[in-house]
Amino acid sequence: MAATIDPTLIETMEARVGVETRGELTLGMTIMDTRHHFAWTHLPLIHVAYRADYRRFLRLSGGKTPFNGAQIHPFSVAFFTA
């Protein structure tokens, strides 16, 4: 949500992303194809946030997070469509 207010808070990359629906150990996990020699063209191409300026985010939010004041890990990853 903060990136909507200030897009410079995050750095993104385009990647093909899907949700594992058949794996025994990975059921429900998000997967991302980072191989450039073999792309999963059937998966949607989206922007994936891979870096965030956590201190600036906290200043923007007044030090509060949307999770009842719980701290958000600075390497939390967000997915959003292109």
Protein backbone atom coordinates (compact mmCIF):
# COMPACT_ATOMS: atom_id res chain seq x y z
CA MET A 1 0.00 0.00 0.00
CA ALA A 2 2.81 2.41 0.80
CA ALA A 3 4.25 1.96 -2.70
CA THR A 4 1.03 3.40 -4.08
CA ILE A 5 1.77 6.62 -2.21
CA ASP A 6 5.50 6.58 -2.95
CA PRO A 7 6.60 4.13 -5.70
CA THR A 8 10.28 4.83 -4.91
CA LEU A 9 9.92 2.86 -1.65
CA ILE A 10 10.34 -0.42 -3.53
CA GLU A 11 12.36 -1.87 -6.39
CA THR A 12 10.62 -4.37 -8.64
CA MET A 13 11.40 -6.85 -11.36
CA GLU A 14 9.16 -8.62 -13.86
CA ALA A 15 8.76 -12.35 -13.33
CA ARG A 16 6.39 -15.18 -14.10
CA VAL A 17 4.67 -16.25 -10.89
CA GLY A 18 2.23 -19.02 -10.00
CA VAL A 19 0.79 -20.84 -7.00
CA GLU A 20 1.70 -24.50 -6.50
CA THR A 21 -1.49 -26.55 -6.51
CA ARG A 22 -0.16 -30.12 -6.77
CA GLY A 23 2.99 -30.28 -4.66
CA GLU A 24 3.09 -32.48 -1.61
CA LEU A 25 5.53 -30.22 0.27
CA THR A 26 4.84 -26.93 -1.49
CA LEU A 27 1.04 -26.85 -1.79
CA GLY A 28 -0.18 -23.26 -1.77
CA MET A 29 3.29 -21.75 -2.03
CA THR A 30 4.08 -18.99 -4.50
CA ILE A 31 6.67 -19.94 -7.10
CA MET A 32 8.62 -17.64 -9.38
CA ASP A 33 10.46 -18.59 -12.55
CA THR A 34 13.77 -16.70 -12.62
CA ARG A 35 15.37 -18.79 -15.36
CA HIS A 36 15.75 -16.85 -18.57
CA HIS A 37 16.61 -19.85 -20.72
CA PHE A 38 13.32 -21.62 -20.02
CA ALA A 39 10.37 -19.38 -19.23
CA TRP A 40 7.00 -20.63 -18.06
CA THR A 41 5.06 -18.62 -20.60
CA HIS A 42 1.72 -19.91 -19.30
CA LEU A 43 2.24 -18.11 -15.96
CA PRO A 44 1.26 -14.43 -15.64
CA LEU A 45 4.06 -11.88 -15.93
CA ILE A 46 3.86 -9.58 -12.90
CA HIS A 47 5.99 -7.04 -11.07
CA VAL A 48 7.59 -8.49 -7.93
CA ALA A 49 8.98 -6.26 -5.22
CA TYR A 50 12.41 -7.51 -4.19
CA ARG A 51 13.77 -4.57 -2.20
CA ALA A 52 12.11 -2.03 0.07
CA ASP A 53 13.28 1.00 2.02
CA TYR A 54 11.92 -0.10 5.41
CA ARG A 55 13.00 3.01 7.32
CA ARG A 56 11.27 5.33 4.84
CA PHE A 57 8.18 3.12 5.01
CA LEU A 58 8.07 3.46 8.79
CA ARG A 59 8.47 7.24 8.56
CA LEU A 60 5.67 7.40 5.98
CA SER A 61 3.37 5.30 8.17
CA GLY A 62 4.18 7.22 11.35
CA GLY A 63 5.91 4.13 12.72
CA LYS A 64 2.71 2.06 12.62
CA THR A 65 2.08 -0.97 10.47
CA PRO A 66 -1.18 -2.40 9.16
CA PHE A 67 -0.71 -5.45 11.41
CA ASN A 68 -1.79 -4.07 14.81
CA GLY A 69 1.57 -2.45 15.41
CA ALA A 70 3.54 -5.63 14.74
CA GLN A 71 6.84 -5.11 13.01
CA ILE A 72 7.08 -6.08 9.35
CA HIS A 73 10.23 -7.88 8.33
CA PRO A 74 12.22 -5.58 6.01
CA PHE A 75 12.56 -8.34 3.42
CA SER A 76 8.84 -9.08 3.14
CA VAL A 77 7.96 -9.53 -0.50
CA ALA A 78 4.86 -8.16 -2.15
CA PHE A 79 3.36 -9.27 -5.45
CA PHE A 80 1.20 -7.13 -7.67
CA THR A 81 0.02 -7.33 -11.24
CA ALA A 82 1.50 -5.32 -14.07
